[in-house]
C-alpha cells in the first residue's frame, strides 16, 4: 500500500462503527467482481502484529475480509468510502480520455 494513516481514538471508534455497526438498513452489493483492491484497513495489536485486515475495491464495491476466503458484504461500502475520503484518501481512480 502506498500511503497509510494511523488513526486517533475518535477515528478508530468511527471506523469500528462502520465495520461492526448496525446492518438493518444495509443492502448487499451485487456488482461486478473486478476486485482490484487499492485500499485496506489493517488492524494490529499494541505490538504491531496484524490481527486482521480488510482489502477494499471501491471500483467494484467489494471487500475481502482476512478471516474468510470469499468476498463479503460486511458493510455499506458508501459509508466506508466517505470515511476514507474524510481521512484524505482518494477512493476512485480518475479516468482521462
N, C-alpha and C. Protein backbone atom coordinates (compact mmCIF):
# COMPACT_ATOMS: atom_id res chain seq x y z
N UNK A 1 0.85 -1.17 0.00
CA UNK A 1 0.00 0.00 0.00
C UNK A 1 0.89 1.23 0.00
N UNK A 2 0.53 2.22 -0.80
CA UNK A 2 1.38 3.39 -0.98
C UNK A 2 1.37 4.37 0.18
N UNK A 3 0.24 4.56 0.78
CA UNK A 3 0.18 5.51 1.89
C UNK A 3 -0.64 4.91 3.02
N UNK A 4 -0.37 5.41 4.22
CA UNK A 4 -1.09 4.87 5.36
C UNK A 4 -1.33 5.98 6.37
N UNK A 5 -2.23 5.72 7.28
CA UNK A 5 -2.55 6.68 8.31
C UNK A 5 -2.86 5.91 9.58
N UNK A 6 -2.22 6.28 10.67
CA UNK A 6 -2.55 5.74 11.97
C UNK A 6 -3.68 6.59 12.53
N UNK A 7 -4.72 5.95 12.96
CA UNK A 7 -5.92 6.65 13.39
C UNK A 7 -5.86 7.06 14.86
N UNK A 8 -6.44 8.21 15.14
CA UNK A 8 -6.63 8.66 16.51
C UNK A 8 -7.82 7.88 17.08
N UNK A 9 -7.99 7.93 18.38
CA UNK A 9 -9.05 7.13 19.01
C UNK A 9 -10.43 7.45 18.45
N UNK A 10 -10.74 8.71 18.23
CA UNK A 10 -12.04 9.08 17.68
C UNK A 10 -12.24 8.47 16.29
N UNK A 11 -11.20 8.47 15.48
CA UNK A 11 -11.26 7.89 14.14
C UNK A 11 -11.40 6.37 14.22
N UNK A 12 -10.71 5.76 15.18
CA UNK A 12 -10.83 4.31 15.39
C UNK A 12 -12.26 3.95 15.76
N UNK A 13 -12.86 4.75 16.62
CA UNK A 13 -14.24 4.49 17.02
C UNK A 13 -15.19 4.59 15.83
N UNK A 14 -14.97 5.60 14.99
CA UNK A 14 -15.81 5.77 13.80
C UNK A 14 -15.65 4.60 12.84
N UNK A 15 -14.41 4.18 12.61
CA UNK A 15 -14.15 3.04 11.73
C UNK A 15 -14.75 1.76 12.31
N UNK A 16 -14.61 1.56 13.58
CA UNK A 16 -15.18 0.38 14.23
C UNK A 16 -16.70 0.34 14.05
N UNK A 17 -17.33 1.50 14.17
CA UNK A 17 -18.79 1.56 13.97
C UNK A 17 -19.16 1.17 12.54
N UNK A 18 -18.33 1.52 11.57
CA UNK A 18 -18.59 1.15 10.18
C UNK A 18 -18.42 -0.36 10.00
N UNK A 19 -17.36 -0.91 10.58
CA UNK A 19 -17.06 -2.34 10.40
C UNK A 19 -18.04 -3.26 11.11
N UNK A 20 -18.51 -2.88 12.28
CA UNK A 20 -19.39 -3.79 13.03
C UNK A 20 -20.74 -3.17 13.35
N UNK A 21 -21.02 -2.03 12.77
CA UNK A 21 -22.23 -1.29 13.09
C UNK A 21 -23.52 -1.96 12.66
N UNK A 22 -24.58 -1.22 12.85
CA UNK A 22 -25.94 -1.68 12.57
C UNK A 22 -26.11 -2.00 11.09
N UNK A 23 -26.56 -3.19 10.78
CA UNK A 23 -26.71 -3.64 9.39
C UNK A 23 -28.18 -3.69 8.95
N UNK A 24 -29.11 -3.17 9.76
CA UNK A 24 -30.53 -3.34 9.46
C UNK A 24 -30.96 -2.68 8.15
N UNK A 25 -30.33 -1.57 7.77
CA UNK A 25 -30.69 -0.89 6.53
C UNK A 25 -29.72 -1.21 5.39
N UNK A 26 -28.80 -2.14 5.63
CA UNK A 26 -27.78 -2.46 4.65
C UNK A 26 -28.32 -3.36 3.54
N UNK A 27 -28.05 -2.96 2.31
CA UNK A 27 -28.45 -3.75 1.14
C UNK A 27 -27.18 -4.34 0.54
N UNK A 28 -27.02 -5.66 0.51
CA UNK A 28 -25.80 -6.27 -0.02
C UNK A 28 -25.53 -5.86 -1.47
N UNK A 29 -24.26 -5.77 -1.77
CA UNK A 29 -23.79 -5.37 -3.09
C UNK A 29 -23.91 -6.54 -4.07
N UNK A 30 -24.39 -6.24 -5.26
CA UNK A 30 -24.47 -7.26 -6.31
C UNK A 30 -23.78 -6.76 -7.57
N UNK A 31 -22.67 -6.10 -7.42
CA UNK A 31 -21.97 -5.52 -8.57
C UNK A 31 -20.99 -6.52 -9.18
N UNK A 32 -20.31 -6.07 -10.23
CA UNK A 32 -19.29 -6.88 -10.88
C UNK A 32 -18.17 -7.17 -9.89
N UNK A 33 -17.42 -8.20 -10.15
CA UNK A 33 -16.38 -8.61 -9.22
C UNK A 33 -14.97 -8.42 -9.82
N UNK A 34 -14.65 -7.20 -10.21
CA UNK A 34 -13.31 -6.95 -10.76
C UNK A 34 -12.26 -7.17 -9.67
N UNK A 35 -12.54 -6.73 -8.49
CA UNK A 35 -11.72 -6.80 -7.30
C UNK A 35 -10.24 -6.57 -7.54
N UNK A 36 -9.91 -5.30 -7.67
CA UNK A 36 -8.52 -4.84 -7.70
C UNK A 36 -8.39 -3.89 -6.51
N UNK A 37 -8.17 -4.45 -5.32
CA UNK A 37 -8.20 -3.61 -4.11
C UNK A 37 -7.03 -2.63 -4.07
N UNK A 38 -7.36 -1.38 -3.85
CA UNK A 38 -6.35 -0.33 -3.73
C UNK A 38 -6.33 0.26 -2.33
N UNK A 39 -7.20 -0.25 -1.47
CA UNK A 39 -7.32 0.25 -0.11
C UNK A 39 -7.43 -0.92 0.86
N UNK A 40 -7.04 -0.65 2.10
CA UNK A 40 -7.15 -1.69 3.12
C UNK A 40 -7.33 -1.05 4.48
N UNK A 41 -7.93 -1.80 5.35
CA UNK A 41 -7.97 -1.49 6.77
C UNK A 41 -7.18 -2.61 7.43
N UNK A 42 -6.11 -2.25 8.11
CA UNK A 42 -5.26 -3.24 8.77
C UNK A 42 -5.36 -3.01 10.27
N UNK A 43 -5.76 -4.02 10.98
CA UNK A 43 -5.93 -3.92 12.42
C UNK A 43 -4.80 -4.70 13.09
N UNK A 44 -4.06 -3.99 13.94
CA UNK A 44 -2.93 -4.63 14.61
C UNK A 44 -3.04 -4.44 16.12
N UNK A 45 -2.31 -5.28 16.84
CA UNK A 45 -2.32 -5.18 18.30
C UNK A 45 -1.30 -4.15 18.76
N UNK A 46 -1.13 -4.02 20.05
CA UNK A 46 -0.22 -2.99 20.60
C UNK A 46 1.25 -3.25 20.26
N UNK A 47 1.59 -4.48 19.86
CA UNK A 47 2.96 -4.80 19.45
C UNK A 47 3.16 -4.65 17.94
N UNK A 48 2.11 -4.26 17.23
CA UNK A 48 2.22 -4.08 15.79
C UNK A 48 1.95 -5.33 14.97
N UNK A 49 1.53 -6.41 15.61
CA UNK A 49 1.20 -7.64 14.89
C UNK A 49 -0.18 -7.50 14.26
N UNK A 50 -0.28 -7.84 12.98
CA UNK A 50 -1.57 -7.76 12.28
C UNK A 50 -2.52 -8.82 12.82
N UNK A 51 -3.70 -8.37 13.23
CA UNK A 51 -4.73 -9.27 13.74
C UNK A 51 -5.67 -9.69 12.62
N UNK A 52 -6.08 -8.72 11.82
CA UNK A 52 -6.96 -8.96 10.69
C UNK A 52 -6.87 -7.78 9.74
N UNK A 53 -7.39 -7.99 8.53
CA UNK A 53 -7.40 -6.89 7.58
C UNK A 53 -8.58 -7.03 6.62
N UNK A 54 -8.91 -5.90 6.02
CA UNK A 54 -9.97 -5.81 5.02
C UNK A 54 -9.35 -5.21 3.78
N UNK A 55 -9.40 -5.91 2.65
CA UNK A 55 -8.95 -5.37 1.36
C UNK A 55 -10.19 -4.84 0.66
N UNK A 56 -10.10 -3.60 0.17
CA UNK A 56 -11.29 -2.92 -0.35
C UNK A 56 -11.06 -2.46 -1.78
N UNK A 57 -12.03 -2.78 -2.65
CA UNK A 57 -12.05 -2.27 -4.02
C UNK A 57 -13.26 -1.35 -4.15
N UNK A 58 -13.01 -0.05 -4.18
CA UNK A 58 -14.11 0.89 -4.31
C UNK A 58 -14.65 0.94 -5.74
N UNK A 59 -13.89 0.43 -6.71
CA UNK A 59 -14.35 0.41 -8.09
C UNK A 59 -15.52 -0.56 -8.27
N UNK A 60 -15.37 -1.78 -7.78
CA UNK A 60 -16.47 -2.76 -7.90
C UNK A 60 -17.27 -2.89 -6.61
N UNK A 61 -16.86 -2.13 -5.60
CA UNK A 61 -17.56 -2.07 -4.32
C UNK A 61 -17.59 -3.40 -3.58
N UNK A 62 -16.43 -4.06 -3.55
CA UNK A 62 -16.32 -5.33 -2.86
C UNK A 62 -15.22 -5.28 -1.81
N UNK A 63 -15.39 -6.11 -0.80
CA UNK A 63 -14.46 -6.18 0.33
C UNK A 63 -14.09 -7.63 0.55
N UNK A 64 -12.82 -7.87 0.84
CA UNK A 64 -12.40 -9.21 1.23
C UNK A 64 -11.83 -9.12 2.64
N UNK A 65 -12.38 -9.94 3.51
CA UNK A 65 -12.02 -9.95 4.92
C UNK A 65 -11.03 -11.08 5.15
N UNK A 66 -9.99 -10.82 5.93
CA UNK A 66 -8.91 -11.80 6.12
C UNK A 66 -9.35 -13.11 6.77
N UNK A 67 -10.47 -13.11 7.44
CA UNK A 67 -10.92 -14.33 8.11
C UNK A 67 -11.82 -15.21 7.24
N UNK A 68 -12.03 -14.82 5.99
CA UNK A 68 -12.81 -15.64 5.06
C UNK A 68 -12.09 -15.71 3.72
N UNK A 69 -12.46 -16.67 2.90
CA UNK A 69 -11.87 -16.79 1.57
C UNK A 69 -12.76 -16.15 0.51
N UNK A 70 -13.88 -15.63 0.90
CA UNK A 70 -14.85 -15.10 -0.05
C UNK A 70 -14.93 -13.58 0.03
N UNK A 71 -15.45 -12.99 -1.04
CA UNK A 71 -15.83 -11.59 -0.97
C UNK A 71 -16.99 -11.53 0.00
N UNK A 72 -17.11 -10.42 0.66
CA UNK A 72 -18.15 -10.37 1.67
C UNK A 72 -18.87 -9.03 1.67
N UNK A 73 -20.14 -9.08 1.89
CA UNK A 73 -20.96 -7.88 2.02
C UNK A 73 -21.10 -7.57 3.50
N UNK A 74 -20.00 -7.11 4.10
CA UNK A 74 -19.98 -6.90 5.54
C UNK A 74 -20.25 -5.47 5.94
N UNK A 75 -20.31 -4.58 4.96
CA UNK A 75 -20.51 -3.18 5.31
C UNK A 75 -21.12 -2.44 4.13
N UNK A 76 -21.65 -1.30 4.42
CA UNK A 76 -22.13 -0.41 3.37
C UNK A 76 -20.89 0.29 2.82
N UNK A 77 -20.50 -0.07 1.62
CA UNK A 77 -19.26 0.44 1.04
C UNK A 77 -19.28 1.96 0.87
N UNK A 78 -20.46 2.55 0.67
CA UNK A 78 -20.52 4.00 0.52
C UNK A 78 -20.16 4.71 1.83
N UNK A 79 -20.50 4.12 2.96
CA UNK A 79 -20.11 4.70 4.25
C UNK A 79 -18.61 4.59 4.44
N UNK A 80 -18.04 3.43 4.07
CA UNK A 80 -16.59 3.27 4.17
C UNK A 80 -15.87 4.24 3.23
N UNK A 81 -16.40 4.43 2.03
CA UNK A 81 -15.78 5.35 1.08
C UNK A 81 -15.78 6.78 1.63
N UNK A 82 -16.87 7.20 2.23
CA UNK A 82 -16.92 8.53 2.84
C UNK A 82 -15.87 8.67 3.93
N UNK A 83 -15.69 7.61 4.72
CA UNK A 83 -14.68 7.63 5.78
C UNK A 83 -13.28 7.79 5.18
N UNK A 84 -12.96 7.01 4.15
CA UNK A 84 -11.65 7.11 3.50
C UNK A 84 -11.44 8.51 2.93
N UNK A 85 -12.45 9.07 2.28
CA UNK A 85 -12.34 10.42 1.73
C UNK A 85 -12.11 11.44 2.84
N UNK A 86 -12.81 11.29 3.94
CA UNK A 86 -12.66 12.19 5.09
C UNK A 86 -11.24 12.12 5.66
N UNK A 87 -10.62 10.94 5.59
CA UNK A 87 -9.25 10.76 6.07
C UNK A 87 -8.21 11.25 5.05
N UNK A 88 -8.68 11.71 3.87
CA UNK A 88 -7.76 12.29 2.89
C UNK A 88 -7.34 11.36 1.78
N UNK A 89 -7.97 10.20 1.66
CA UNK A 89 -7.61 9.24 0.62
C UNK A 89 -8.56 9.35 -0.57
N UNK A 90 -8.03 9.25 -1.78
CA UNK A 90 -8.84 9.16 -2.98
C UNK A 90 -9.29 7.72 -3.12
N UNK A 91 -10.56 7.52 -3.44
CA UNK A 91 -11.08 6.15 -3.48
C UNK A 91 -11.39 5.64 -4.87
N UNK A 92 -11.49 6.51 -5.83
CA UNK A 92 -11.76 6.09 -7.21
C UNK A 92 -10.69 6.69 -8.10
N UNK A 93 -10.23 5.90 -9.05
CA UNK A 93 -9.24 6.41 -9.99
C UNK A 93 -9.90 7.37 -10.96
N UNK A 94 -9.17 8.43 -11.27
CA UNK A 94 -9.67 9.35 -12.29
C UNK A 94 -9.28 8.79 -13.65
N UNK A 95 -10.25 8.78 -14.55
CA UNK A 95 -10.01 8.27 -15.90
C UNK A 95 -9.98 9.46 -16.84
N UNK A 96 -8.88 9.61 -17.55
CA UNK A 96 -8.75 10.70 -18.52
C UNK A 96 -8.81 10.11 -19.91
N UNK A 97 -9.78 10.56 -20.68
CA UNK A 97 -9.95 10.01 -22.03
C UNK A 97 -9.51 11.02 -23.05
